[in-house]
Amino acid sequence: MKKKIISLLLIAIISSTALISCGKTKAPSDSDKQPSVTEEQSPKDTSKDSKIVGENNKPTVEIKQIATIADFKDKSKADIEKILGKPVSEDDSKSTYEKDNYTFEVTYLNSKCNEIKITPKTDMKFPADGANILNLLGINAGDPDTLSPAGMEWDNKFDTYKINVVSDNQVQGKISYADIILNNTSK
């Protein structure tokens, strides 16, 4: 019985030592002045404390800001047209615009902009570009309040009521659209 316990302890010690040393090819020496690098870091790596791990937290598309939330919030169709140009289609309460590589569907409530749906025309990875797509409107979002395979959500932040970035819910996730609700309509 004692031999089995000693054998199991010995195996546990050897296994833990092997796991700890896993990945180290040589012992550090004084002559080796270069630090070992375990991860690539981009110059703008602000995602150190992100809830999104691995390569999925590095944006893949460069986003150019076109406006701010204040440029849209409670603005009329004429004001929105100054930013996005003429709509490609219009409904009673919705107008669809195309600018850069995005489709913007703007919903109006009482003739004022209340909701913006942004659909990328090019592939944007989810969750890597989830917060990145919001840079179009000058939002440096950081970590969402809620993160799931279906999407990311921010509540009552950035002078908005709710922001949802929705994925296609596939293994190689891509962003389907971002939905920004500017005002709570239930008030």
Protein backbone atom coordinates (compact mmCIF):
# COMPACT_ATOMS: atom_id res chain seq x y z
CA MET A 1 0.00 0.00 0.00
CA LYS A 2 2.82 2.39 0.90
CA LYS A 3 4.59 1.56 -2.36
CA LYS A 4 1.48 2.52 -4.37
CA ILE A 5 1.12 5.84 -2.54
CA ILE A 6 4.81 6.64 -3.01
CA SER A 7 4.57 5.67 -6.69
CA LEU A 8 1.52 7.89 -7.21
CA LEU A 9 3.21 10.82 -5.44
CA LEU A 10 6.31 10.35 -7.56
CA ILE A 11 4.23 10.29 -10.76
CA ALA A 12 2.34 13.42 -9.64
CA ILE A 13 5.60 15.28 -8.96
CA ILE A 14 7.09 14.26 -12.31
CA SER A 15 3.88 15.19 -14.15
CA SER A 16 3.63 18.61 -12.51
CA THR A 17 7.31 19.28 -13.23
CA ALA A 18 6.79 18.33 -16.86
CA LEU A 19 3.75 20.62 -17.12
CA ILE A 20 5.56 23.54 -15.51
CA SER A 21 8.57 23.21 -17.77
CA CYS A 22 6.48 22.60 -20.88
CA GLY A 23 7.47 25.00 -23.63
CA LYS A 24 10.86 25.97 -22.20
CA THR A 25 13.63 24.87 -24.52
CA LYS A 26 16.59 26.15 -22.52
CA ALA A 27 17.35 27.51 -19.12
CA PRO A 28 17.86 31.30 -19.00
CA SER A 29 21.46 32.39 -18.76
CA ASP A 30 23.16 35.66 -17.85
CA SER A 31 24.52 36.07 -21.38
CA ASP A 32 21.02 35.85 -22.85
CA LYS A 33 19.85 39.47 -22.56
CA GLN A 34 16.75 39.18 -24.77
CA PRO A 35 13.47 38.50 -22.99
CA SER A 36 11.52 35.50 -24.18
CA VAL A 37 8.38 36.39 -26.08
CA THR A 38 5.34 34.21 -25.59
CA GLU A 39 2.80 36.40 -27.40
CA GLU A 40 2.92 38.81 -30.29
CA GLN A 41 1.91 42.27 -29.20
CA SER A 42 0.76 44.95 -31.56
CA PRO A 43 1.89 48.53 -30.95
CA LYS A 44 -1.67 49.53 -30.06
CA ASP A 45 -2.37 46.51 -27.83
CA THR A 46 -4.92 47.94 -25.42
CA SER A 47 -6.59 44.58 -24.89
CA LYS A 48 -4.36 43.24 -22.10
CA ASP A 49 -7.24 43.13 -19.62
CA SER A 50 -9.85 42.12 -22.19
CA LYS A 51 -12.33 39.35 -21.52
CA ILE A 52 -11.67 38.15 -25.07
CA VAL A 53 -8.66 35.86 -25.16
CA GLY A 54 -6.12 34.84 -27.78
CA GLU A 55 -6.06 36.07 -31.34
CA ASN A 56 -9.77 36.89 -31.11
CA ASN A 57 -9.11 40.12 -29.22
CA LYS A 58 -6.98 41.76 -31.91
CA PRO A 59 -8.90 43.88 -34.44
CA THR A 60 -8.46 42.73 -38.03
CA VAL A 61 -9.82 45.77 -39.88
CA GLU A 62 -8.71 49.38 -39.65
CA ILE A 63 -11.71 51.60 -38.95
CA LYS A 64 -11.90 55.27 -39.91
CA GLN A 65 -14.26 57.40 -37.81
CA ILE A 66 -16.97 59.08 -39.89
CA ALA A 67 -18.97 60.81 -37.15
CA THR A 68 -19.84 60.75 -33.45
CA ILE A 69 -22.93 59.68 -31.56
CA ALA A 70 -23.77 63.36 -31.04
CA ASP A 71 -23.85 63.80 -34.83
CA PHE A 72 -26.70 61.26 -35.00
CA LYS A 73 -28.61 61.54 -31.73
CA ASP A 74 -31.96 63.31 -32.16
CA LYS A 75 -30.98 64.59 -35.62
CA SER A 76 -33.30 64.94 -38.61
CA LYS A 77 -33.00 63.16 -41.97
CA ALA A 78 -31.41 66.28 -43.46
CA ASP A 79 -28.71 66.29 -40.75
CA ILE A 80 -28.00 62.58 -41.30
CA GLU A 81 -27.76 63.11 -45.07
CA LYS A 82 -24.99 65.66 -44.46
CA ILE A 83 -22.97 62.86 -42.83
CA LEU A 84 -23.92 59.77 -44.87
CA GLY A 85 -25.05 61.27 -48.18
CA LYS A 86 -28.32 60.57 -49.99
CA PRO A 87 -30.15 57.38 -48.93
CA VAL A 88 -30.16 54.43 -51.33
CA SER A 89 -33.65 53.51 -50.10
CA GLU A 90 -36.28 55.09 -47.88
CA ASP A 91 -39.29 53.95 -45.92
CA ASP A 92 -41.62 55.99 -43.70
CA SER A 93 -39.41 55.67 -40.65
CA LYS A 94 -36.21 54.12 -42.09
CA SER A 95 -33.53 55.23 -44.49
CA THR A 96 -30.67 53.12 -45.80
CA TYR A 97 -27.34 54.73 -46.62
CA GLU A 98 -24.06 53.36 -47.95
CA LYS A 99 -20.77 54.91 -46.94
CA ASP A 100 -17.26 53.49 -47.18
CA ASN A 101 -17.68 49.70 -46.77
CA TYR A 102 -20.78 49.85 -44.60
CA THR A 103 -24.55 49.98 -44.94
CA PHE A 104 -26.27 52.24 -42.42
CA GLU A 105 -29.96 51.68 -41.72
CA VAL A 106 -31.22 54.66 -39.73
CA THR A 107 -34.58 54.43 -37.96
CA TYR A 108 -36.37 57.66 -37.11
CA LEU A 109 -38.79 58.23 -34.26
CA ASN A 110 -40.82 61.44 -34.42
CA SER A 111 -38.61 62.51 -37.36
CA LYS A 112 -35.44 62.22 -35.25
CA CYS A 113 -32.68 59.61 -35.49
CA ASN A 114 -33.24 56.96 -32.83
CA GLU A 115 -31.49 53.81 -34.05
CA ILE A 116 -28.51 53.05 -36.28
CA LYS A 117 -27.86 49.60 -37.72
CA ILE A 118 -24.40 49.23 -39.27
CA THR A 119 -23.77 46.26 -41.56
CA PRO A 120 -20.22 45.75 -42.82
CA LYS A 121 -19.82 44.90 -46.51
CA THR A 122 -16.46 43.21 -45.84
CA ASP A 123 -15.76 40.39 -43.41
CA MET A 124 -15.07 41.52 -39.87
CA LYS A 125 -14.15 38.88 -37.30
CA PHE A 126 -16.20 38.36 -34.18
CA PRO A 127 -15.38 39.09 -31.40
CA ALA A 128 -12.09 40.72 -32.50
CA ASP A 129 -13.75 43.57 -34.41
CA GLY A 130 -16.85 43.78 -32.19
CA ALA A 131 -15.75 46.88 -30.30
CA ASN A 132 -13.69 48.02 -33.29
CA ILE A 133 -16.74 48.57 -35.56
CA LEU A 134 -18.04 51.13 -33.06
CA ASN A 135 -15.02 53.33 -33.84
CA LEU A 136 -17.00 54.41 -36.93
CA LEU A 137 -19.03 56.55 -34.54
CA GLY A 138 -16.14 57.56 -32.31
CA ILE A 139 -16.91 54.98 -29.62
CA ASN A 140 -13.87 53.44 -27.94
CA ALA A 141 -15.95 50.69 -26.36
CA GLY A 142 -13.54 48.34 -24.59
CA ASP A 143 -15.06 45.30 -22.91
CA PRO A 144 -18.82 44.78 -23.31
CA ASP A 145 -21.27 44.40 -20.43
CA THR A 146 -22.32 41.06 -21.93
CA LEU A 147 -20.29 38.80 -24.21
CA SER A 148 -21.63 35.60 -25.77
CA PRO A 149 -21.12 33.68 -29.01
CA ALA A 150 -24.22 35.45 -30.33
CA GLY A 151 -22.97 38.96 -29.68
CA MET A 152 -21.69 41.76 -27.48
CA GLU A 153 -23.84 44.23 -25.57
CA TRP A 154 -23.30 47.57 -23.84
CA ASP A 155 -26.14 49.12 -21.80
CA ASN A 156 -26.54 52.85 -21.10
CA LYS A 157 -23.00 53.75 -22.16
CA PHE A 158 -21.45 56.22 -24.59
CA ASP A 159 -24.56 58.44 -24.55
CA THR A 160 -26.68 55.59 -25.95
CA TYR A 161 -29.46 53.42 -24.56
CA LYS A 162 -28.12 50.10 -25.88
CA ILE A 163 -25.46 48.84 -28.28
CA ASN A 164 -25.49 45.31 -29.72
CA VAL A 165 -22.83 43.86 -31.99
CA VAL A 166 -24.33 40.66 -33.40
CA SER A 167 -22.30 37.74 -34.76
CA ASP A 168 -23.27 35.22 -37.40
CA ASN A 169 -23.01 32.60 -34.60
CA GLN A 170 -20.62 30.41 -36.63
CA VAL A 171 -17.31 28.81 -35.61
CA GLN A 172 -15.26 31.28 -37.67
CA GLY A 173 -17.38 34.11 -36.30
CA LYS A 174 -18.04 37.21 -38.35
CA ILE A 175 -19.97 40.33 -37.45
CA SER A 176 -23.47 40.39 -38.93
CA TYR A 177 -24.29 43.94 -37.82
CA ALA A 178 -24.03 46.49 -35.04
CA ASP A 179 -27.25 47.99 -33.68
CA ILE A 180 -27.08 51.25 -31.74
CA ILE A 181 -30.25 52.40 -29.98
CA LEU A 182 -29.81 56.03 -29.03
CA ASN A 183 -32.87 56.62 -26.83
CA ASN A 184 -35.13 54.49 -24.68
CA THR A 185 -38.46 54.57 -26.52
CA SER A 186 -40.44 53.20 -23.57
CA LYS A 187 -40.20 56.49 -21.65
